[in-house]
Amino acid sequence: MIKVAISLLVGFGILMFAAAFVWALRIQRYIQSHGGHSACSVFNGAIWRDYRTARQISKRVGRKPAFLIWFEALAIAALLFFILGGFALLIEGFK
């Protein structure tokens, strides 16, 4: 069971890295192309702040770009992996 928990937490890391990759390549440029200022650091919550800014821009423009859908899917999957990994560790602790 500990192997399952570790693999889920590694999956969380990989998915968050992929989400950060989408943020770095597309979301920052999208914000800057629409006259906004994107954050420059990953560690202070900039990914989520830029995501909210990009969502506001997409609502104003009236269409949702594909990279926002990809970012949402990767972030949700990463959070699910994290939650499932935590539950697996919790269950392993009670055995």
PDB file of N, CA and C in Angstrom:
ATOM      1  N   MET A   1       0.817  -1.198   0.000  1.00  0.00           N
ATOM      2  CA  MET A   1       0.000   0.000   0.000  1.00  0.00           C
ATOM      3  C   MET A   1       0.856   1.255   0.000  1.00  0.00           C
ATOM      4  N   ILE A   2       2.027   1.183   0.631  1.00  0.00           N
ATOM      5  CA  ILE A   2       2.893   2.353   0.665  1.00  0.00           C
ATOM      6  C   ILE A   2       3.405   2.680  -0.735  1.00  0.00           C
ATOM      7  N   LYS A   3       3.583   1.649  -1.564  1.00  0.00           N
ATOM      8  CA  LYS A   3       4.018   1.875  -2.947  1.00  0.00           C
ATOM      9  C   LYS A   3       2.947   2.620  -3.727  1.00  0.00           C
ATOM     10  N   VAL A   4       1.700   2.300  -3.460  1.00  0.00           N
ATOM     11  CA  VAL A   4       0.588   2.992  -4.119  1.00  0.00           C
ATOM     12  C   VAL A   4       0.576   4.458  -3.719  1.00  0.00           C
ATOM     13  N   ALA A   5       0.742   4.720  -2.437  1.00  0.00           N
ATOM     14  CA  ALA A   5       0.730   6.101  -1.958  1.00  0.00           C
ATOM     15  C   ALA A   5       1.888   6.892  -2.554  1.00  0.00           C
ATOM     16  N   ILE A   6       3.063   6.289  -2.579  1.00  0.00           N
ATOM     17  CA  ILE A   6       4.222   6.986  -3.144  1.00  0.00           C
ATOM     18  C   ILE A   6       4.035   7.225  -4.639  1.00  0.00           C
ATOM     19  N   SER A   7       3.493   6.245  -5.348  1.00  0.00           N
ATOM     20  CA  SER A   7       3.277   6.444  -6.781  1.00  0.00           C
ATOM     21  C   SER A   7       2.224   7.514  -7.047  1.00  0.00           C
ATOM     22  N   LEU A   8       1.212   7.605  -6.194  1.00  0.00           N
ATOM     23  CA  LEU A   8       0.212   8.664  -6.345  1.00  0.00           C
ATOM     24  C   LEU A   8       0.827  10.038  -6.080  1.00  0.00           C
ATOM     25  N   LEU A   9       1.674  10.127  -5.089  1.00  0.00           N
ATOM     26  CA  LEU A   9       2.310  11.409  -4.793  1.00  0.00           C
ATOM     27  C   LEU A   9       3.331  11.789  -5.868  1.00  0.00           C
ATOM     28  N   VAL A  10       3.995  10.803  -6.456  1.00  0.00           N
ATOM     29  CA  VAL A  10       4.888  11.086  -7.585  1.00  0.00           C
ATOM     30  C   VAL A  10       4.060  11.545  -8.788  1.00  0.00           C
ATOM     31  N   GLY A  11       2.910  10.913  -8.990  1.00  0.00           N
ATOM     32  CA  GLY A  11       2.005  11.352 -10.058  1.00  0.00           C
ATOM     33  C   GLY A  11       1.553  12.782  -9.850  1.00  0.00           C
ATOM     34  N   PHE A  12       1.308  13.162  -8.598  1.00  0.00           N
ATOM     35  CA  PHE A  12       0.960  14.549  -8.286  1.00  0.00           C
ATOM     36  C   PHE A  12       2.070  15.492  -8.725  1.00  0.00           C
ATOM     37  N   GLY A  13       3.304  15.143  -8.401  1.00  0.00           N
ATOM     38  CA  GLY A  13       4.434  15.987  -8.788  1.00  0.00           C
ATOM     39  C   GLY A  13       4.572  16.122 -10.293  1.00  0.00           C
ATOM     40  N   ILE A  14       4.399  15.025 -11.001  1.00  0.00           N
ATOM     41  CA  ILE A  14       4.516  15.055 -12.459  1.00  0.00           C
ATOM     42  C   ILE A  14       3.404  15.900 -13.072  1.00  0.00           C
ATOM     43  N   LEU A  15       2.187  15.731 -12.587  1.00  0.00           N
ATOM     44  CA  LEU A  15       1.069  16.497 -13.138  1.00  0.00           C
ATOM     45  C   LEU A  15       1.188  17.985 -12.816  1.00  0.00           C
ATOM     46  N   MET A  16       1.656  18.322 -11.631  1.00  0.00           N
ATOM     47  CA  MET A  16       1.846  19.737 -11.311  1.00  0.00           C
ATOM     48  C   MET A  16       2.979  20.337 -12.137  1.00  0.00           C
ATOM     49  N   PHE A  17       4.004  19.550 -12.414  1.00  0.00           N
ATOM     50  CA  PHE A  17       5.067  20.019 -13.291  1.00  0.00           C
ATOM     51  C   PHE A  17       4.519  20.288 -14.693  1.00  0.00           C
ATOM     52  N   ALA A  18       3.651  19.401 -15.184  1.00  0.00           N
ATOM     53  CA  ALA A  18       3.041  19.602 -16.497  1.00  0.00           C
ATOM     54  C   ALA A  18       2.145  20.838 -16.500  1.00  0.00           C
ATOM     55  N   ALA A  19       1.396  21.053 -15.419  1.00  0.00           N
ATOM     56  CA  ALA A  19       0.556  22.251 -15.324  1.00  0.00           C
ATOM     57  C   ALA A  19       1.420  23.506 -15.299  1.00  0.00           C
ATOM     58  N   ALA A  20       2.531  23.464 -14.574  1.00  0.00           N
ATOM     59  CA  ALA A  20       3.448  24.613 -14.539  1.00  0.00           C
ATOM     60  C   ALA A  20       4.071  24.848 -15.912  1.00  0.00           C
ATOM     61  N   PHE A  21       4.292  23.801 -16.646  1.00  0.00           N
ATOM     62  CA  PHE A  21       4.827  23.913 -18.001  1.00  0.00           C
ATOM     63  C   PHE A  21       3.828  24.630 -18.913  1.00  0.00           C
ATOM     64  N   VAL A  22       2.556  24.261 -18.813  1.00  0.00           N
ATOM     65  CA  VAL A  22       1.508  24.945 -19.592  1.00  0.00           C
ATOM     66  C   VAL A  22       1.437  26.408 -19.183  1.00  0.00           C
ATOM     67  N   TRP A  23       1.528  26.666 -17.884  1.00  0.00           N
ATOM     68  CA  TRP A  23       1.503  28.042 -17.400  1.00  0.00           C
ATOM     69  C   TRP A  23       2.657  28.844 -17.983  1.00  0.00           C
ATOM     70  N   ALA A  24       3.856  28.261 -17.952  1.00  0.00           N
ATOM     71  CA  ALA A  24       5.042  28.990 -18.401  1.00  0.00           C
ATOM     72  C   ALA A  24       5.016  29.251 -19.901  1.00  0.00           C
ATOM     73  N   LEU A  25       4.494  28.305 -20.670  1.00  0.00           N
ATOM     74  CA  LEU A  25       4.526  28.462 -22.125  1.00  0.00           C
ATOM     75  C   LEU A  25       3.356  29.253 -22.683  1.00  0.00           C
ATOM     76  N   ARG A  26       2.187  29.107 -22.107  1.00  0.00           N
ATOM     77  CA  ARG A  26       1.011  29.687 -22.740  1.00  0.00           C
ATOM     78  C   ARG A  26       0.301  30.765 -21.920  1.00  0.00           C
ATOM     79  N   ILE A  27       0.057  30.519 -20.652  1.00  0.00           N
ATOM     80  CA  ILE A  27      -0.768  31.429 -19.856  1.00  0.00           C
ATOM     81  C   ILE A  27      -0.073  32.769 -19.672  1.00  0.00           C
ATOM     82  N   GLN A  28       1.216  32.748 -19.387  1.00  0.00           N
ATOM     83  CA  GLN A  28       1.933  34.019 -19.219  1.00  0.00           C
ATOM     84  C   GLN A  28       1.882  34.849 -20.497  1.00  0.00           C
ATOM     85  N   ARG A  29       2.105  34.223 -21.630  1.00  0.00           N
ATOM     86  CA  ARG A  29       2.064  34.953 -22.905  1.00  0.00           C
ATOM     87  C   ARG A  29       0.664  35.463 -23.218  1.00  0.00           C
ATOM     88  N   TYR A  30      -0.337  34.674 -22.872  1.00  0.00           N
ATOM     89  CA  TYR A  30      -1.723  35.077 -23.107  1.00  0.00           C
ATOM     90  C   TYR A  30      -2.050  36.338 -22.321  1.00  0.00           C
ATOM     91  N   ILE A  31      -1.637  36.377 -21.072  1.00  0.00           N
ATOM     92  CA  ILE A  31      -1.893  37.550 -20.234  1.00  0.00           C
ATOM     93  C   ILE A  31      -1.150  38.764 -20.785  1.00  0.00           C
ATOM     94  N   GLN A  32       0.108  38.568 -21.150  1.00  0.00           N
ATOM     95  CA  GLN A  32       0.897  39.684 -21.666  1.00  0.00           C
ATOM     96  C   GLN A  32       0.388  40.168 -23.010  1.00  0.00           C
ATOM     97  N   SER A  33      -0.131  39.274 -23.852  1.00  0.00           N
ATOM     98  CA  SER A  33      -0.638  39.690 -25.155  1.00  0.00           C
ATOM     99  C   SER A  33      -1.927  40.502 -25.035  1.00  0.00           C
ATOM    100  N   HIS A  34      -2.625  40.365 -23.908  1.00  0.00           N
ATOM    101  CA  HIS A  34      -3.837  41.144 -23.676  1.00  0.00           C
ATOM    102  C   HIS A  34      -3.595  42.334 -22.759  1.00  0.00           C
ATOM    103  N   GLY A  35      -2.337  42.700 -22.582  1.00  0.00           N
ATOM    104  CA  GLY A  35      -2.005  43.911 -21.851  1.00  0.00           C
ATOM    105  C   GLY A  35      -1.901  43.757 -20.350  1.00  0.00           C
ATOM    106  N   GLY A  36      -1.915  42.534 -19.856  1.00  0.00           N
ATOM    107  CA  GLY A  36      -1.805  42.319 -18.415  1.00  0.00           C
ATOM    108  C   GLY A  36      -0.369  42.054 -18.007  1.00  0.00           C
ATOM    109  N   HIS A  37      -0.174  41.953 -16.722  1.00  0.00           N
ATOM    110  CA  HIS A  37       1.144  41.649 -16.178  1.00  0.00           C
ATOM    111  C   HIS A  37       1.077  40.298 -15.489  1.00  0.00           C
ATOM    112  N   SER A  38       1.904  39.374 -15.950  1.00  0.00           N
ATOM    113  CA  SER A  38       1.931  38.057 -15.316  1.00  0.00           C
ATOM    114  C   SER A  38       3.008  38.018 -14.256  1.00  0.00           C
ATOM    115  N   ALA A  39       2.852  37.095 -13.340  1.00  0.00           N
ATOM    116  CA  ALA A  39       3.840  36.922 -12.271  1.00  0.00           C
ATOM    117  C   ALA A  39       5.047  36.182 -12.829  1.00  0.00           C
ATOM    118  N   CYS A  40       6.171  36.325 -12.179  1.00  0.00           N
ATOM    119  CA  CYS A  40       7.397  35.730 -12.708  1.00  0.00           C
ATOM    120  C   CYS A  40       7.918  34.577 -11.880  1.00  0.00           C
ATOM    121  N   SER A  41       7.280  34.246 -10.784  1.00  0.00           N
ATOM    122  CA  SER A  41       7.783  33.195  -9.906  1.00  0.00           C
ATOM    123  C   SER A  41       6.712  32.145  -9.678  1.00  0.00           C
ATOM    124  N   VAL A  42       7.136  30.892  -9.652  1.00  0.00           N
ATOM    125  CA  VAL A  42       6.209  29.785  -9.452  1.00  0.00           C
ATOM    126  C   VAL A  42       5.878  29.596  -7.976  1.00  0.00           C
ATOM    127  N   PHE A  43       6.767  29.972  -7.091  1.00  0.00           N
ATOM    128  CA  PHE A  43       6.686  29.569  -5.686  1.00  0.00           C
ATOM    129  C   PHE A  43       5.751  30.398  -4.819  1.00  0.00           C
ATOM    130  N   ASN A  44       5.265  31.521  -5.281  1.00  0.00           N
ATOM    131  CA  ASN A  44       4.432  32.350  -4.408  1.00  0.00           C
ATOM    132  C   ASN A  44       2.963  32.353  -4.826  1.00  0.00           C
ATOM    133  N   GLY A  45       2.512  31.310  -5.467  1.00  0.00           N
ATOM    134  CA  GLY A  45       1.122  31.229  -5.890  1.00  0.00           C
ATOM    135  C   GLY A  45       0.842  31.935  -7.198  1.00  0.00           C
ATOM    136  N   ALA A  46       1.890  32.237  -7.936  1.00  0.00           N
ATOM    137  CA  ALA A  46       1.738  32.976  -9.182  1.00  0.00           C
ATOM    138  C   ALA A  46       0.954  32.186 -10.225  1.00  0.00           C
ATOM    139  N   ILE A  47       1.094  30.869 -10.201  1.00  0.00           N
ATOM    140  CA  ILE A  47       0.384  30.045 -11.176  1.00  0.00           C
ATOM    141  C   ILE A  47      -1.112  30.246 -11.026  1.00  0.00           C
ATOM    142  N   TRP A  48      -1.608  30.220  -9.808  1.00  0.00           N
ATOM    143  CA  TRP A  48      -3.054  30.350  -9.582  1.00  0.00           C
ATOM    144  C   TRP A  48      -3.534  31.770  -9.832  1.00  0.00           C
ATOM    145  N   ARG A  49      -2.717  32.748  -9.492  1.00  0.00           N
ATOM    146  CA  ARG A  49      -3.078  34.144  -9.747  1.00  0.00           C
ATOM    147  C   ARG A  49      -3.152  34.407 -11.255  1.00  0.00           C
ATOM    148  N   ASP A  50      -2.172  33.910 -11.991  1.00  0.00           N
ATOM    149  CA  ASP A  50      -2.196  34.069 -13.441  1.00  0.00           C
ATOM    150  C   ASP A  50      -3.334  33.288 -14.073  1.00  0.00           C
ATOM    151  N   TYR A  51      -3.664  32.135 -13.525  1.00  0.00           N
ATOM    152  CA  TYR A  51      -4.795  31.369 -14.038  1.00  0.00           C
ATOM    153  C   TYR A  51      -6.094  32.154 -13.884  1.00  0.00           C
ATOM    154  N   ARG A  52      -6.282  32.761 -12.707  1.00  0.00           N
ATOM    155  CA  ARG A  52      -7.490  33.578 -12.505  1.00  0.00           C
ATOM    156  C   ARG A  52      -7.523  34.767 -13.453  1.00  0.00           C
ATOM    157  N   THR A  53      -6.375  35.396 -13.668  1.00  0.00           N
ATOM    158  CA  THR A  53      -6.309  36.523 -14.600  1.00  0.00           C
ATOM    159  C   THR A  53      -6.641  36.067 -16.014  1.00  0.00           C
ATOM    160  N   ALA A  54      -6.103  34.929 -16.430  1.00  0.00           N
ATOM    161  CA  ALA A  54      -6.385  34.408 -17.771  1.00  0.00           C
ATOM    162  C   ALA A  54      -7.853  34.039 -17.918  1.00  0.00           C
ATOM    163  N   ARG A  55      -8.462  33.508 -16.863  1.00  0.00           N
ATOM    164  CA  ARG A  55      -9.899  33.202 -16.915  1.00  0.00           C
ATOM    165  C   ARG A  55     -10.722  34.477 -17.070  1.00  0.00           C
ATOM    166  N   GLN A  56     -10.339  35.539 -16.363  1.00  0.00           N
ATOM    167  CA  GLN A  56     -11.053  36.813 -16.494  1.00  0.00           C
ATOM    168  C   GLN A  56     -10.906  37.370 -17.906  1.00  0.00           C
ATOM    169  N   ILE A  57      -9.728  37.262 -18.473  1.00  0.00           N
ATOM    170  CA  ILE A  57      -9.510  37.732 -19.846  1.00  0.00           C
ATOM    171  C   ILE A  57     -10.342  36.909 -20.810  1.00  0.00           C
ATOM    172  N   SER A  58     -10.380  35.588 -20.620  1.00  0.00           N
ATOM    173  CA  SER A  58     -11.145  34.743 -21.540  1.00  0.00           C
ATOM    174  C   SER A  58     -12.642  35.024 -21.431  1.00  0.00           C
ATOM    175  N   LYS A  59     -13.132  35.353 -20.244  1.00  0.00           N
ATOM    176  CA  LYS A  59     -14.542  35.727 -20.105  1.00  0.00           C
ATOM    177  C   LYS A  59     -14.822  37.044 -20.809  1.00  0.00           C
ATOM    178  N   ARG A  60     -13.871  37.977 -20.700  1.00  0.00           N
ATOM    179  CA  ARG A  60     -14.044  39.268 -21.352  1.00  0.00           C
ATOM    180  C   ARG A  60     -14.010  39.126 -22.874  1.00  0.00           C
ATOM    181  N   VAL A  61     -13.118  38.267 -23.373  1.00  0.00           N
ATOM    182  CA  VAL A  61     -12.989  38.060 -24.815  1.00  0.00           C
ATOM    183  C   VAL A  61     -14.160  37.235 -25.350  1.00  0.00           C
ATOM    184  N   GLY A  62     -14.657  36.305 -24.532  1.00  0.00           N
ATOM    185  CA  GLY A  62     -15.807  35.518 -24.936  1.00  0.00           C
ATOM    186  C   GLY A  62     -15.470  34.135 -25.445  1.00  0.00           C
ATOM    187  N   ARG A  63     -14.229  33.689 -25.290  1.00  0.00           N
ATOM    188  CA  ARG A  63     -13.879  32.325 -25.681  1.00  0.00           C
ATOM    189  C   ARG A  63     -12.814  31.794 -24.727  1.00  0.00           C
ATOM    190  N   LYS A  64     -12.820  30.493 -24.572  1.00  0.00           N
ATOM    191  CA  LYS A  64     -11.888  29.854 -23.642  1.00  0.00           C
ATOM    192  C   LYS A  64     -10.824  29.107 -24.449  1.00  0.00           C
ATOM    193  N   PRO A  65      -9.578  29.537 -24.356  1.00  0.00           N
ATOM    194  CA  PRO A  65      -8.511  28.869 -25.106  1.00  0.00           C
ATOM    195  C   PRO A  65      -8.278  27.435 -24.618  1.00  0.00           C
ATOM    196  N   ALA A  66      -7.756  26.603 -25.500  1.00  0.00           N
ATOM    197  CA  ALA A  66      -7.535  25.190 -25.182  1.00  0.00           C
ATOM    198  C   ALA A  66      -6.517  25.008 -24.063  1.00  0.00           C
ATOM    199  N   PHE A  67      -5.521  25.890 -23.979  1.00  0.00           N
ATOM    200  CA  PHE A  67      -4.519  25.712 -22.935  1.00  0.00           C
ATOM    201  C   PHE A  67      -5.080  25.938 -21.547  1.00  0.00           C
ATOM    202  N   LEU A  68      -6.133  26.745 -21.414  1.00  0.00           N
ATOM    203  CA  LEU A  68      -6.783  26.882 -20.106  1.00  0.00           C
ATOM    204  C   LEU A  68      -7.500  25.595 -19.720  1.00  0.00           C
ATOM    205  N   ILE A  69      -8.107  24.940 -20.701  1.00  0.00           N
ATOM    206  CA  ILE A  69      -8.759  23.655 -20.442  1.00  0.00           C
ATOM    207  C   ILE A  69      -7.723  22.621 -20.030  1.00  0.00           C
ATOM    208  N   TRP A  70      -6.570  22.600 -20.712  1.00  0.00           N
ATOM    209  CA  TRP A  70      -5.494  21.677 -20.362  1.00  0.00           C
ATOM    210  C   TRP A  70      -4.972  21.956 -18.956  1.00  0.00           C
ATOM    211  N   PHE A  71      -4.783  23.218 -18.637  1.00  0.00           N
ATOM    212  CA  PHE A  71      -4.290  23.574 -17.305  1.00  0.00           C
ATOM    213  C   PHE A  71      -5.265  23.127 -16.232  1.00  0.00           C
ATOM    214  N   GLU A  72      -6.552  23.374 -16.452  1.00  0.00           N
ATOM    215  CA  GLU A  72      -7.559  22.960 -15.475  1.00  0.00           C
ATOM    216  C   GLU A  72      -7.555  21.456 -15.283  1.00  0.00           C
ATOM    217  N   ALA A  73      -7.496  20.712 -16.377  1.00  0.00           N
ATOM    218  CA  ALA A  73      -7.509  19.251 -16.293  1.00  0.00           C
ATOM    219  C   ALA A  73      -6.277  18.731 -15.557  1.00  0.00           C
ATOM    220  N   LEU A  74      -5.110  19.282 -15.873  1.00  0.00           N
ATOM    221  CA  LEU A  74      -3.885  18.836 -15.212  1.00  0.00           C
ATOM    222  C   LEU A  74      -3.895  19.189 -13.722  1.00  0.00           C
ATOM    223  N   ALA A  75      -4.352  20.381 -13.388  1.00  0.00           N
ATOM    224  CA  ALA A  75      -4.380  20.801 -11.988  1.00  0.00           C
ATOM    225  C   ALA A  75      -5.382  19.977 -11.184  1.00  0.00           C
ATOM    226  N   ILE A  76      -6.543  19.704 -11.746  1.00  0.00           N
ATOM    227  CA  ILE A  76      -7.543  18.889 -11.044  1.00  0.00           C
ATOM    228  C   ILE A  76      -7.033  17.465 -10.859  1.00  0.00           C
ATOM    229  N   ALA A  77      -6.423  16.900 -11.903  1.00  0.00           N
ATOM    230  CA  ALA A  77      -5.871  15.550 -11.787  1.00  0.00           C
ATOM    231  C   ALA A  77      -4.759  15.510 -10.744  1.00  0.00           C
ATOM    232  N   ALA A  78      -3.919  16.529 -10.706  1.00  0.00           N
ATOM    233  CA  ALA A  78      -2.838  16.574  -9.718  1.00  0.00           C
ATOM    234  C   ALA A  78      -3.406  16.637  -8.305  1.00  0.00           C
ATOM    235  N   LEU A  79      -4.419  17.457  -8.097  1.00  0.00           N
ATOM    236  CA  LEU A  79      -5.020  17.550  -6.762  1.00  0.00           C
ATOM    237  C   LEU A  79      -5.692  16.236  -6.357  1.00  0.00           C
ATOM    238  N   LEU A  80      -6.318  15.552  -7.315  1.00  0.00           N
ATOM    239  CA  LEU A  80      -6.910  14.250  -7.008  1.00  0.00           C
ATOM    240  C   LEU A  80      -5.835  13.234  -6.634  1.00  0.00           C
ATOM    241  N   PHE A  81      -4.723  13.239  -7.359  1.00  0.00           N
ATOM    242  CA  PHE A  81      -3.619  12.345  -7.023  1.00  0.00           C
ATOM    243  C   PHE A  81      -3.102  12.643  -5.618  1.00  0.00           C
ATOM    244  N   PHE A  82      -2.993  13.918  -5.284  1.00  0.00           N
ATOM    245  CA  PHE A  82      -2.512  14.299  -3.950  1.00  0.00           C
ATOM    246  C   PHE A  82      -3.470  13.820  -2.867  1.00  0.00           C
ATOM    247  N   ILE A  83      -4.754  14.018  -3.071  1.00  0.00           N
ATOM    248  CA  ILE A  83      -5.761  13.598  -2.092  1.00  0.00           C
ATOM    249  C   ILE A  83      -5.770  12.085  -1.951  1.00  0.00           C
ATOM    250  N   LEU A  84      -5.734  11.376  -3.078  1.00  0.00           N
ATOM    251  CA  LEU A  84      -5.731   9.913  -3.021  1.00  0.00           C
ATOM    252  C   LEU A  84      -4.453   9.389  -2.366  1.00  0.00           C
ATOM    253  N   GLY A  85      -3.321  10.026  -2.643  1.00  0.00           N
ATOM    254  CA  GLY A  85      -2.079   9.628  -1.995  1.00  0.00           C
ATOM    255  C   GLY A  85      -2.129   9.855  -0.495  1.00  0.00           C
ATOM    256  N   GLY A  86      -2.727  10.964  -0.076  1.00  0.00           N
ATOM    257  CA  GLY A  86      -2.894  11.221   1.359  1.00  0.00           C
ATOM    258  C   GLY A  86      -3.796  10.199   2.022  1.00  0.00           C
ATOM    259  N   PHE A  87      -4.899   9.844   1.346  1.00  0.00           N
ATOM    260  CA  PHE A  87      -5.781   8.821   1.892  1.00  0.00           C
ATOM    261  C   PHE A  87      -5.088   7.467   1.966  1.00  0.00           C
ATOM    262  N   ALA A  88      -4.294   7.139   0.948  1.00  0.00           N
ATOM    263  CA  ALA A  88      -3.575   5.865   0.961  1.00  0.00           C
ATOM    264  C   ALA A  88      -2.579   5.824   2.124  1.00  0.00           C
ATOM    265  N   LEU A  89      -1.888   6.932   2.365  1.00  0.00           N
ATOM    266  CA  LEU A  89      -0.978   6.980   3.504  1.00  0.00           C
ATOM    267  C   LEU A  89      -1.725   6.899   4.831  1.00  0.00           C
ATOM    268  N   LEU A  90      -2.898   7.531   4.891  1.00  0.00           N
ATOM    269  CA  LEU A  90      -3.713   7.489   6.102  1.00  0.00           C
ATOM    270  C   LEU A  90      -4.204   6.071   6.373  1.00  0.00           C
ATOM    271  N   ILE A  91      -4.659   5.385   5.345  1.00  0.00           N
ATOM    272  CA  ILE A  91      -5.130   4.008   5.499  1.00  0.00           C
ATOM    273  C   ILE A  91      -3.973   3.107   5.900  1.00  0.00           C
ATOM    274  N   GLU A  92      -2.820   3.318   5.301  1.00  0.00           N
ATOM    275  CA  GLU A  92      -1.636   2.521   5.644  1.00  0.00           C
ATOM    276  C   GLU A  92      -1.242   2.743   7.104  1.00  0.00           C
ATOM    277  N   GLY A  93      -1.410   3.943   7.613  1.00  0.00           N
ATOM    278  CA  GLY A  93      -1.088   4.226   8.999  1.00  0.00           C
ATOM    279  C   GLY A  93      -1.986   3.526   9.992  1.00  0.00           C
ATOM    280  N   PHE A  94      -3.216   3.227   9.613  1.00  0.00           N
ATOM    281  CA  PHE A  94      -4.149   2.554  10.508  1.00  0.00           C
ATOM    282  C   PHE A  94      -4.034   1.037  10.467  1.00  0.00           C
ATOM    283  N   LYS A  95      -3.298   0.493   9.526  1.00  0.00           N
ATOM    284  CA  LYS A  95      -3.170  -0.973   9.440  1.00  0.00           C
ATOM    285  C   LYS A  95      -2.205  -1.500  10.445  1.00  0.00           C
TER     286      LYS A  95
END
